Amino acid sequence: MLKELFTKSKKKKYATIPSERDKQDVPEGIMSKCPNCKKIMYTKELVKNFKVCLHCGHHFTMTAYERIESLFEPESFTEMDAGLLSANPLDFPDYMEKIEKDREHSGLNEAVVTGVGKIGDSQVAVAVMDSRFRMGSMGSVVGEKITRAIEKARELRIPFLIFTASGGARMQEGVLSLMQMAKTSAALKMFSDEGGLIISIMTHPTTGGVSASFASLGDINLAEPGALIGFAGRRIIEQTIREELPEDFQTAEFLLKHGQLDAVISRLEMKDKLNNILEIHVPGGEWV
């Protein structure tokens, strides 16, 4: 008996794998793990904090409608061109099947949501990209919707905001996708020439043809902390120039340090900062 009392129990070499019944006790999606600090938190608390980690400030991916809800005054946002749908002009194999899967998965018809709404007292036209749909890639419909949103801002004489999140041009649409770089840039130039205010907010990731066109053409260029921003991939650049790049290369903080951004702003402060910018530059919500 004494021997059993003082004998240390042997530790199991391997962890016990939870049974299916144990797994069902915790509903799926109730907890979220931060990919940066690895801390676990309630998903509900994370969403209340605009999907910013409560421990380290890491910015989780936000959907287009979540971002709109976090910025615009209640019931002030009116969506535009929600029914525009992609075609398959090059007869790319399985393209339409992939588009349909993304529609079901994201609840969107395309990789950008556009419309008009109010931030504070200022009315603005906005385009919000969503990386869940074809990785936010820029196809013909994305370029058309953004161009129409710019033209609406020009018509109403109100500022234009764009939140970018994209892997670049959509390869399944070939040159038609690349043409959207020129089309959106030309629309922004006409808007700017008439005195329009353009604010670009780059989120993770903003790459390829999107970063090389409308994402970088704001009068004020902002970004969220830690966002990947660049044209070509890190490995491609290193192989081309035969040099090792800095650890923080192509991050929002690196671009700010080298003069390519005006500010890096936390999502928790984004609405207040945008409201301040709009009040300073366009008192009353539109320019004379």
C-alpha atoms as a PDB file:
ATOM      1  CA  MET A   1       0.000   0.000   0.000  1.00  0.00           C
ATOM      2  CA  LEU A   2       2.841   2.411   0.961  1.00  0.00           C
ATOM      3  CA  LYS A   3       4.646   1.451  -2.202  1.00  0.00           C
ATOM      4  CA  GLU A   4       1.611   2.397  -4.297  1.00  0.00           C
ATOM      5  CA  LEU A   5       1.298   5.724  -2.421  1.00  0.00           C
ATOM      6  CA  PHE A   6       4.845   6.905  -3.150  1.00  0.00           C
ATOM      7  CA  THR A   7       5.275   5.393  -6.598  1.00  0.00           C
ATOM      8  CA  LYS A   8       4.989   7.992  -9.361  1.00  0.00           C
ATOM      9  CA  SER A   9       2.442   7.138 -11.997  1.00  0.00           C
ATOM     10  CA  LYS A  10       3.884   6.636 -15.434  1.00  0.00           C
ATOM     11  CA  LYS A  11       3.180   9.469 -17.860  1.00  0.00           C
ATOM     12  CA  LYS A  12       1.594   8.566 -21.138  1.00  0.00           C
ATOM     13  CA  LYS A  13       3.988   8.916 -24.016  1.00  0.00           C
ATOM     14  CA  TYR A  14       1.324  10.219 -26.383  1.00  0.00           C
ATOM     15  CA  ALA A  15      -1.581  12.606 -25.879  1.00  0.00           C
ATOM     16  CA  THR A  16      -5.026  11.104 -25.878  1.00  0.00           C
ATOM     17  CA  ILE A  17      -6.908  11.833 -29.081  1.00  0.00           C
ATOM     18  CA  PRO A  18     -10.333  13.295 -28.264  1.00  0.00           C
ATOM     19  CA  SER A  19     -13.276  11.171 -29.278  1.00  0.00           C
ATOM     20  CA  GLU A  20     -15.845  12.427 -31.784  1.00  0.00           C
ATOM     21  CA  ARG A  21     -18.241  12.897 -28.883  1.00  0.00           C
ATOM     22  CA  ASP A  22     -15.722  15.132 -27.055  1.00  0.00           C
ATOM     23  CA  LYS A  23     -15.226  17.226 -30.176  1.00  0.00           C
ATOM     24  CA  GLN A  24     -18.962  17.797 -30.514  1.00  0.00           C
ATOM     25  CA  ASP A  25     -19.082  19.328 -27.010  1.00  0.00           C
ATOM     26  CA  VAL A  26     -17.340  22.470 -28.382  1.00  0.00           C
ATOM     27  CA  PRO A  27     -19.350  23.953 -31.276  1.00  0.00           C
ATOM     28  CA  GLU A  28     -17.315  24.598 -34.423  1.00  0.00           C
ATOM     29  CA  GLY A  29     -16.256  28.219 -34.828  1.00  0.00           C
ATOM     30  CA  ILE A  30     -16.799  29.227 -31.192  1.00  0.00           C
ATOM     31  CA  MET A  31     -13.038  29.743 -30.683  1.00  0.00           C
ATOM     32  CA  SER A  32     -10.420  31.355 -32.926  1.00  0.00           C
ATOM     33  CA  LYS A  33      -6.626  31.001 -32.827  1.00  0.00           C
ATOM     34  CA  CYS A  34      -4.428  33.932 -33.758  1.00  0.00           C
ATOM     35  CA  PRO A  35      -1.933  32.919 -36.492  1.00  0.00           C
ATOM     36  CA  ASN A  36       0.562  35.453 -35.112  1.00  0.00           C
ATOM     37  CA  CYS A  37       0.679  35.008 -31.318  1.00  0.00           C
ATOM     38  CA  LYS A  38      -1.092  31.577 -31.272  1.00  0.00           C
ATOM     39  CA  LYS A  39      -3.420  32.713 -28.485  1.00  0.00           C
ATOM     40  CA  ILE A  40      -6.979  31.361 -28.473  1.00  0.00           C
ATOM     41  CA  MET A  41      -9.981  33.626 -27.943  1.00  0.00           C
ATOM     42  CA  TYR A  42     -13.738  33.568 -28.294  1.00  0.00           C
ATOM     43  CA  THR A  43     -14.729  34.244 -31.910  1.00  0.00           C
ATOM     44  CA  LYS A  44     -17.570  36.465 -30.693  1.00  0.00           C
ATOM     45  CA  GLU A  45     -15.085  38.699 -28.824  1.00  0.00           C
ATOM     46  CA  LEU A  46     -12.792  38.782 -31.853  1.00  0.00           C
ATOM     47  CA  VAL A  47     -15.638  39.906 -34.132  1.00  0.00           C
ATOM     48  CA  LYS A  48     -16.666  42.603 -31.627  1.00  0.00           C
ATOM     49  CA  ASN A  49     -13.076  43.862 -31.812  1.00  0.00           C
ATOM     50  CA  PHE A  50     -13.335  44.225 -35.621  1.00  0.00           C
ATOM     51  CA  LYS A  51     -11.371  40.986 -36.071  1.00  0.00           C
ATOM     52  CA  VAL A  52      -8.235  42.421 -34.451  1.00  0.00           C
ATOM     53  CA  CYS A  53      -6.482  40.000 -32.060  1.00  0.00           C
ATOM     54  CA  LEU A  54      -7.133  40.986 -28.451  1.00  0.00           C
ATOM     55  CA  HIS A  55      -3.597  39.925 -27.462  1.00  0.00           C
ATOM     56  CA  CYS A  56      -1.178  41.064 -30.179  1.00  0.00           C
ATOM     57  CA  GLY A  57      -3.216  43.294 -32.519  1.00  0.00           C
ATOM     58  CA  HIS A  58      -2.958  40.974 -35.518  1.00  0.00           C
ATOM     59  CA  HIS A  59      -5.528  41.909 -38.195  1.00  0.00           C
ATOM     60  CA  PHE A  60      -7.575  38.896 -39.303  1.00  0.00           C
ATOM     61  CA  THR A  61      -9.128  38.878 -42.780  1.00  0.00           C
ATOM     62  CA  MET A  62     -12.359  40.883 -42.914  1.00  0.00           C
ATOM     63  CA  THR A  63     -15.184  40.320 -45.388  1.00  0.00           C
ATOM     64  CA  ALA A  64     -16.412  43.209 -47.523  1.00  0.00           C
ATOM     65  CA  TYR A  65     -19.728  43.483 -45.670  1.00  0.00           C
ATOM     66  CA  GLU A  66     -18.034  43.289 -42.247  1.00  0.00           C
ATOM     67  CA  ARG A  67     -15.804  46.191 -43.252  1.00  0.00           C
ATOM     68  CA  ILE A  68     -18.737  48.224 -44.543  1.00  0.00           C
ATOM     69  CA  GLU A  69     -20.646  47.608 -41.302  1.00  0.00           C
ATOM     70  CA  SER A  70     -17.624  48.686 -39.235  1.00  0.00           C
ATOM     71  CA  LEU A  71     -17.224  52.001 -41.084  1.00  0.00           C
ATOM     72  CA  PHE A  72     -20.538  53.311 -42.332  1.00  0.00           C
ATOM     73  CA  GLU A  73     -23.349  54.862 -40.358  1.00  0.00           C
ATOM     74  CA  PRO A  74     -26.268  52.441 -39.782  1.00  0.00           C
ATOM     75  CA  GLU A  75     -28.566  52.043 -42.801  1.00  0.00           C
ATOM     76  CA  SER A  76     -26.632  54.684 -44.777  1.00  0.00           C
ATOM     77  CA  PHE A  77     -24.942  52.328 -47.273  1.00  0.00           C
ATOM     78  CA  THR A  78     -26.577  51.655 -50.641  1.00  0.00           C
ATOM     79  CA  GLU A  79     -24.918  48.981 -52.758  1.00  0.00           C
ATOM     80  CA  MET A  80     -24.344  49.448 -56.487  1.00  0.00           C
ATOM     81  CA  ASP A  81     -24.109  46.958 -59.365  1.00  0.00           C
ATOM     82  CA  ALA A  82     -24.488  43.861 -57.167  1.00  0.00           C
ATOM     83  CA  GLY A  83     -25.928  41.929 -60.115  1.00  0.00           C
ATOM     84  CA  LEU A  84     -22.922  42.248 -62.456  1.00  0.00           C
ATOM     85  CA  LEU A  85     -21.643  38.750 -63.270  1.00  0.00           C
ATOM     86  CA  SER A  86     -18.448  37.434 -64.839  1.00  0.00           C
ATOM     87  CA  ALA A  87     -18.453  35.722 -68.225  1.00  0.00           C
ATOM     88  CA  ASN A  88     -15.833  33.399 -69.707  1.00  0.00           C
ATOM     89  CA  PRO A  89     -14.576  35.333 -72.771  1.00  0.00           C
ATOM     90  CA  LEU A  90     -11.539  33.082 -73.291  1.00  0.00           C
ATOM     91  CA  ASP A  91     -13.410  29.796 -72.704  1.00  0.00           C
ATOM     92  CA  PHE A  92     -10.973  29.035 -69.903  1.00  0.00           C
ATOM     93  CA  PRO A  93     -11.515  25.451 -68.676  1.00  0.00           C
ATOM     94  CA  ASP A  94     -13.594  25.131 -65.453  1.00  0.00           C
ATOM     95  CA  TYR A  95     -13.583  28.914 -64.914  1.00  0.00           C
ATOM     96  CA  MET A  96     -17.345  29.266 -64.521  1.00  0.00           C
ATOM     97  CA  GLU A  97     -17.470  26.298 -62.142  1.00  0.00           C
ATOM     98  CA  LYS A  98     -14.861  27.982 -59.923  1.00  0.00           C
ATOM     99  CA  ILE A  99     -16.781  31.262 -60.074  1.00  0.00           C
ATOM    100  CA  GLU A 100     -19.942  29.476 -58.964  1.00  0.00           C
ATOM    101  CA  LYS A 101     -18.131  27.814 -56.041  1.00  0.00           C
ATOM    102  CA  ASP A 102     -16.823  31.199 -54.907  1.00  0.00           C
ATOM    103  CA  ARG A 103     -20.336  32.658 -55.107  1.00  0.00           C
ATOM    104  CA  GLU A 104     -21.659  29.898 -52.856  1.00  0.00           C
ATOM    105  CA  HIS A 105     -18.716  30.165 -50.436  1.00  0.00           C
ATOM    106  CA  SER A 106     -18.628  33.966 -50.135  1.00  0.00           C
ATOM    107  CA  GLY A 107     -22.222  34.999 -50.766  1.00  0.00           C
ATOM    108  CA  LEU A 108     -20.894  37.530 -53.305  1.00  0.00           C
ATOM    109  CA  ASN A 109     -21.273  37.748 -57.072  1.00  0.00           C
ATOM    110  CA  GLU A 110     -17.778  39.186 -57.496  1.00  0.00           C
ATOM    111  CA  ALA A 111     -14.603  40.115 -55.618  1.00  0.00           C
ATOM    112  CA  VAL A 112     -15.615  43.721 -54.888  1.00  0.00           C
ATOM    113  CA  VAL A 113     -18.602  45.420 -53.264  1.00  0.00           C
ATOM    114  CA  THR A 114     -19.309  49.010 -54.307  1.00  0.00           C
ATOM    115  CA  GLY A 115     -21.789  51.635 -53.194  1.00  0.00           C
ATOM    116  CA  VAL A 116     -22.451  54.988 -51.545  1.00  0.00           C
ATOM    117  CA  GLY A 117     -22.798  55.676 -47.824  1.00  0.00           C
ATOM    118  CA  LYS A 118     -21.891  57.970 -44.942  1.00  0.00           C
ATOM    119  CA  ILE A 119     -18.857  57.983 -42.654  1.00  0.00           C
ATOM    120  CA  GLY A 120     -19.732  60.447 -39.932  1.00  0.00           C
ATOM    121  CA  ASP A 121     -21.400  63.349 -41.731  1.00  0.00           C
ATOM    122  CA  SER A 122     -19.566  62.788 -45.018  1.00  0.00           C
ATOM    123  CA  GLN A 123     -21.098  60.950 -47.944  1.00  0.00           C
ATOM    124  CA  VAL A 124     -18.597  58.873 -49.926  1.00  0.00           C
ATOM    125  CA  ALA A 125     -18.505  56.369 -52.759  1.00  0.00           C
ATOM    126  CA  VAL A 126     -16.600  53.224 -51.861  1.00  0.00           C
ATOM    127  CA  ALA A 127     -15.211  50.001 -53.321  1.00  0.00           C
ATOM    128  CA  VAL A 128     -14.338  47.195 -50.897  1.00  0.00           C
ATOM    129  CA  MET A 129     -12.475  44.154 -52.220  1.00  0.00           C
ATOM    130  CA  ASP A 130     -13.024  40.704 -50.700  1.00  0.00           C
ATOM    131  CA  SER A 131     -10.231  38.105 -50.907  1.00  0.00           C
ATOM    132  CA  ARG A 132     -12.636  35.178 -50.425  1.00  0.00           C
ATOM    133  CA  PHE A 133     -13.737  35.499 -54.067  1.00  0.00           C
ATOM    134  CA  ARG A 134     -10.973  34.301 -56.414  1.00  0.00           C
ATOM    135  CA  MET A 135      -8.428  35.742 -53.961  1.00  0.00           C
ATOM    136  CA  GLY A 136      -9.753  39.223 -54.752  1.00  0.00           C
ATOM    137  CA  SER A 137      -8.366  38.931 -58.274  1.00  0.00           C
ATOM    138  CA  MET A 138      -9.125  41.711 -60.745  1.00  0.00           C
ATOM    139  CA  GLY A 139     -11.303  40.557 -63.626  1.00  0.00           C
ATOM    140  CA  SER A 140     -13.510  42.516 -66.019  1.00  0.00           C
ATOM    141  CA  VAL A 141     -16.390  42.826 -63.547  1.00  0.00           C
ATOM    142  CA  VAL A 142     -14.113  44.006 -60.715  1.00  0.00           C
ATOM    143  CA  GLY A 143     -12.648  46.712 -62.964  1.00  0.00           C
ATOM    144  CA  GLU A 144     -16.088  47.734 -64.237  1.00  0.00           C
ATOM    145  CA  LYS A 145     -17.605  47.971 -60.749  1.00  0.00           C
ATOM    146  CA  ILE A 146     -14.706  50.057 -59.440  1.00  0.00           C
ATOM    147  CA  THR A 147     -14.867  52.350 -62.496  1.00  0.00           C
ATOM    148  CA  ARG A 148     -18.615  52.849 -62.034  1.00  0.00           C
ATOM    149  CA  ALA A 149     -18.080  53.668 -58.345  1.00  0.00           C
ATOM    150  CA  ILE A 150     -15.481  56.304 -59.298  1.00  0.00           C
ATOM    151  CA  GLU A 151     -17.892  57.758 -61.874  1.00  0.00           C
ATOM    152  CA  LYS A 152     -20.654  57.857 -59.237  1.00  0.00           C
ATOM    153  CA  ALA A 153     -18.322  59.803 -56.920  1.00  0.00           C
ATOM    154  CA  ARG A 154     -17.580  62.164 -59.804  1.00  0.00           C
ATOM    155  CA  GLU A 155     -21.292  62.595 -60.564  1.00  0.00           C
ATOM    156  CA  LEU A 156     -22.223  63.284 -56.916  1.00  0.00           C
ATOM    157  CA  ARG A 157     -19.039  65.283 -56.280  1.00  0.00           C
ATOM    158  CA  ILE A 158     -18.158  63.251 -53.211  1.00  0.00           C
ATOM    159  CA  PRO A 159     -14.878  61.539 -52.129  1.00  0.00           C
ATOM    160  CA  PHE A 160     -13.953  58.054 -53.349  1.00  0.00           C
ATOM    161  CA  LEU A 161     -12.554  55.400 -50.988  1.00  0.00           C
ATOM    162  CA  ILE A 162     -11.187  51.997 -51.933  1.00  0.00           C
ATOM    163  CA  PHE A 163     -10.159  49.111 -49.679  1.00  0.00           C
ATOM    164  CA  THR A 164      -7.894  46.775 -51.631  1.00  0.00           C
ATOM    165  CA  ALA A 165      -7.271  43.068 -51.008  1.00  0.00           C
ATOM    166  CA  SER A 166      -6.102  41.157 -54.051  1.00  0.00           C
ATOM    167  CA  GLY A 167      -3.719  38.626 -55.501  1.00  0.00           C
ATOM    168  CA  GLY A 168      -3.550  40.666 -58.723  1.00  0.00           C
ATOM    169  CA  ALA A 169      -5.001  40.329 -62.222  1.00  0.00           C
ATOM    170  CA  ARG A 170      -7.284  37.348 -62.941  1.00  0.00           C
ATOM    171  CA  MET A 171      -5.373  35.059 -65.294  1.00  0.00           C
ATOM    172  CA  GLN A 172      -8.517  33.315 -66.594  1.00  0.00           C
ATOM    173  CA  GLU A 173      -9.510  36.566 -68.341  1.00  0.00           C
ATOM    174  CA  GLY A 174      -6.103  37.299 -69.838  1.00  0.00           C
ATOM    175  CA  VAL A 175      -5.594  40.723 -71.429  1.00  0.00           C
ATOM    176  CA  LEU A 176      -9.177  41.730 -70.559  1.00  0.00           C
ATOM    177  CA  SER A 177      -8.150  41.590 -66.921  1.00  0.00           C
ATOM    178  CA  LEU A 178      -4.980  43.621 -67.530  1.00  0.00           C
ATOM    179  CA  MET A 179      -7.043  46.279 -69.335  1.00  0.00           C
ATOM    180  CA  GLN A 180      -8.796  47.034 -66.037  1.00  0.00           C
ATOM    181  CA  MET A 181      -5.552  48.587 -64.751  1.00  0.00           C
ATOM    182  CA  ALA A 182      -5.730  51.260 -67.458  1.00  0.00           C
ATOM    183  CA  LYS A 183      -9.510  51.703 -67.240  1.00  0.00           C
ATOM    184  CA  THR A 184      -9.621  52.290 -63.484  1.00  0.00           C
ATOM    185  CA  SER A 185      -6.521  54.507 -63.579  1.00  0.00           C
ATOM    186  CA  ALA A 186      -8.033  56.673 -66.322  1.00  0.00           C
ATOM    187  CA  ALA A 187     -11.276  57.037 -64.335  1.00  0.00           C
ATOM    188  CA  LEU A 188      -9.302  58.115 -61.254  1.00  0.00           C
ATOM    189  CA  LYS A 189      -7.319  60.652 -63.306  1.00  0.00           C
ATOM    190  CA  MET A 190     -10.511  62.307 -64.626  1.00  0.00           C
ATOM    191  CA  PHE A 191     -11.981  62.299 -61.129  1.00  0.00           C
ATOM    192  CA  SER A 192      -8.813  63.827 -59.657  1.00  0.00           C
ATOM    193  CA  ASP A 193      -8.595  66.502 -62.389  1.00  0.00           C
ATOM    194  CA  GLU A 194     -12.024  67.756 -61.316  1.00  0.00           C
ATOM    195  CA  GLY A 195     -10.895  68.082 -57.690  1.00  0.00           C
ATOM    196  CA  GLY A 196     -12.100  64.740 -56.322  1.00  0.00           C
ATOM    197  CA  LEU A 197     -10.523  63.288 -53.172  1.00  0.00           C
ATOM    198  CA  ILE A 198      -9.214  59.709 -53.485  1.00  0.00           C
ATOM    199  CA  ILE A 199      -8.331  57.681 -50.383  1.00  0.00           C
ATOM    200  CA  SER A 200      -6.797  54.226 -50.852  1.00  0.00           C
ATOM    201  CA  ILE A 201      -6.581  51.809 -47.916  1.00  0.00           C
ATOM    202  CA  MET A 202      -4.434  48.740 -48.638  1.00  0.00           C
ATOM    203  CA  THR A 203      -5.212  45.609 -46.661  1.00  0.00           C
ATOM    204  CA  HIS A 204      -3.593  42.168 -46.624  1.00  0.00           C
ATOM    205  CA  PRO A 205      -2.679  41.269 -49.335  1.00  0.00           C
ATOM    206  CA  THR A 206      -2.512  43.958 -52.038  1.00  0.00           C
ATOM    207  CA  THR A 207      -0.344  42.637 -54.865  1.00  0.00           C
ATOM    208  CA  GLY A 208       0.150  42.385 -58.613  1.00  0.00           C
ATOM    209  CA  GLY A 209      -1.808  44.536 -61.052  1.00  0.00           C
ATOM    210  CA  VAL A 210      -4.001  45.961 -58.291  1.00  0.00           C
ATOM    211  CA  SER A 211      -1.003  47.360 -56.394  1.00  0.00           C
ATOM    212  CA  ALA A 212       0.375  48.704 -59.688  1.00  0.00           C
ATOM    213  CA  SER A 213      -2.816  50.570 -60.577  1.00  0.00           C
ATOM    214  CA  PHE A 214      -5.729  51.957 -58.554  1.00  0.00           C
ATOM    215  CA  ALA A 215      -4.415  50.832 -55.138  1.00  0.00           C
ATOM    216  CA  SER A 216      -1.461  53.211 -55.373  1.00  0.00           C
ATOM    217  CA  LEU A 217      -3.199  56.214 -56.937  1.00  0.00           C
ATOM    218  CA  GLY A 218      -4.815  57.773 -53.892  1.00  0.00           C
ATOM    219  CA  ASP A 219      -4.290  61.365 -52.876  1.00  0.00           C
ATOM    220  CA  ILE A 220      -3.882  59.718 -49.479  1.00  0.00           C
ATOM    221  CA  ASN A 221      -2.522  56.150 -49.349  1.00  0.00           C
ATOM    222  CA  LEU A 222      -3.070  54.226 -46.100  1.00  0.00           C
ATOM    223  CA  ALA A 223      -2.638  50.615 -45.003  1.00  0.00           C
ATOM    224  CA  GLU A 224      -3.517  48.256 -42.176  1.00  0.00           C
ATOM    225  CA  PRO A 225      -0.694  46.984 -39.930  1.00  0.00           C
ATOM    226  CA  GLY A 226       1.267  44.038 -41.304  1.00  0.00           C
ATOM    227  CA  ALA A 227      -0.408  44.104 -44.725  1.00  0.00           C
ATOM    228  CA  LEU A 228       1.569  42.527 -47.571  1.00  0.00           C
ATOM    229  CA  ILE A 229       1.866  45.113 -50.359  1.00  0.00           C
ATOM    230  CA  GLY A 230       3.882  44.640 -53.525  1.00  0.00           C
ATOM    231  CA  PHE A 231       3.947  43.749 -57.212  1.00  0.00           C
ATOM    232  CA  ALA A 232       6.060  40.651 -57.801  1.00  0.00           C
ATOM    233  CA  GLY A 233       6.674  37.969 -55.182  1.00  0.00           C
ATOM    234  CA  ARG A 234       9.630  38.053 -52.826  1.00  0.00           C
ATOM    235  CA  ARG A 235      11.252  34.929 -54.307  1.00  0.00           C
ATOM    236  CA  ILE A 236      10.996  36.246 -57.878  1.00  0.00           C
ATOM    237  CA  ILE A 237      12.627  39.554 -56.911  1.00  0.00           C
ATOM    238  CA  GLU A 238      15.464  37.860 -54.996  1.00  0.00           C
ATOM    239  CA  GLN A 239      16.185  35.565 -57.947  1.00  0.00           C
ATOM    240  CA  THR A 240      16.133  38.504 -60.355  1.00  0.00           C
ATOM    241  CA  ILE A 241      18.401  40.882 -58.444  1.00  0.00           C
ATOM    242  CA  ARG A 242      20.416  38.039 -56.802  1.00  0.00           C
ATOM    243  CA  GLU A 243      20.208  39.664 -53.396  1.00  0.00           C
ATOM    244  CA  GLU A 244      18.507  38.750 -50.136  1.00  0.00           C
ATOM    245  CA  LEU A 245      15.717  41.159 -49.238  1.00  0.00           C
ATOM    246  CA  PRO A 246      15.052  42.592 -45.749  1.00  0.00           C
ATOM    247  CA  GLU A 247      12.852  40.503 -43.427  1.00  0.00           C
ATOM    248  CA  ASP A 248      10.051  43.095 -43.413  1.00  0.00           C
ATOM    249  CA  PHE A 249      10.200  43.740 -47.179  1.00  0.00           C
ATOM    250  CA  GLN A 250       6.770  44.458 -48.771  1.00  0.00           C
ATOM    251  CA  THR A 251       5.034  45.008 -45.442  1.00  0.00           C
ATOM    252  CA  ALA A 252       2.976  48.127 -44.770  1.00  0.00           C
ATOM    253  CA  GLU A 253       5.553  49.257 -42.207  1.00  0.00           C
ATOM    254  CA  PHE A 254       8.414  48.882 -44.718  1.00  0.00           C
ATOM    255  CA  LEU A 255       6.528  50.944 -47.317  1.00  0.00           C
ATOM    256  CA  LEU A 256       5.743  53.655 -44.759  1.00  0.00           C
ATOM    257  CA  LYS A 257       9.407  53.841 -43.764  1.00  0.00           C
ATOM    258  CA  HIS A 258      10.398  54.293 -47.423  1.00  0.00           C
ATOM    259  CA  GLY A 259       7.823  56.980 -48.214  1.00  0.00           C
ATOM    260  CA  GLN A 260       5.314  54.911 -50.193  1.00  0.00           C
ATOM    261  CA  LEU A 261       2.473  55.288 -47.668  1.00  0.00           C
ATOM    262  CA  ASP A 262       1.100  58.230 -45.726  1.00  0.00           C
ATOM    263  CA  ALA A 263       0.170  56.215 -42.629  1.00  0.00           C
ATOM    264  CA  VAL A 264      -0.375  52.732 -41.230  1.00  0.00           C
ATOM    265  CA  ILE A 265      -3.631  52.749 -39.260  1.00  0.00           C
ATOM    266  CA  SER A 266      -5.136  50.083 -37.012  1.00  0.00           C
ATOM    267  CA  ARG A 267      -8.610  48.917 -37.950  1.00  0.00           C
ATOM    268  CA  LEU A 268      -9.725  49.974 -34.464  1.00  0.00           C
ATOM    269  CA  GLU A 269      -8.920  53.594 -35.355  1.00  0.00           C
ATOM    270  CA  MET A 270      -9.800  53.528 -39.061  1.00  0.00           C
ATOM    271  CA  LYS A 271     -13.288  55.056 -38.888  1.00  0.00           C
ATOM    272  CA  ASP A 272     -12.181  57.988 -36.697  1.00  0.00           C
ATOM    273  CA  LYS A 273      -9.127  58.683 -38.873  1.00  0.00           C
ATOM    274  CA  LEU A 274     -11.119  58.568 -42.101  1.00  0.00           C
ATOM    275  CA  ASN A 275     -13.779  60.811 -40.581  1.00  0.00           C
ATOM    276  CA  ASN A 276     -11.082  63.351 -39.636  1.00  0.00           C
ATOM    277  CA  ILE A 277      -9.553  63.263 -43.135  1.00  0.00           C
ATOM    278  CA  LEU A 278     -12.941  63.729 -44.792  1.00  0.00           C
ATOM    279  CA  GLU A 279     -13.882  66.648 -42.520  1.00  0.00           C
ATOM    280  CA  ILE A 280     -10.569  68.399 -43.186  1.00  0.00           C
ATOM    281  CA  HIS A 281     -10.495  67.929 -46.960  1.00  0.00           C
ATOM    282  CA  VAL A 282     -14.164  68.019 -47.918  1.00  0.00           C
ATOM    283  CA  PRO A 283     -16.203  69.987 -45.363  1.00  0.00           C
ATOM    284  CA  GLY A 284     -19.893  69.169 -45.742  1.00  0.00           C
ATOM    285  CA  GLY A 285     -19.238  66.004 -47.720  1.00  0.00           C
ATOM    286  CA  GLU A 286     -18.669  67.402 -51.243  1.00  0.00           C
ATOM    287  CA  TRP A 287     -16.241  69.747 -52.975  1.00  0.00           C
ATOM    288  CA  VAL A 288     -17.118  73.042 -54.637  1.00  0.00           C
END
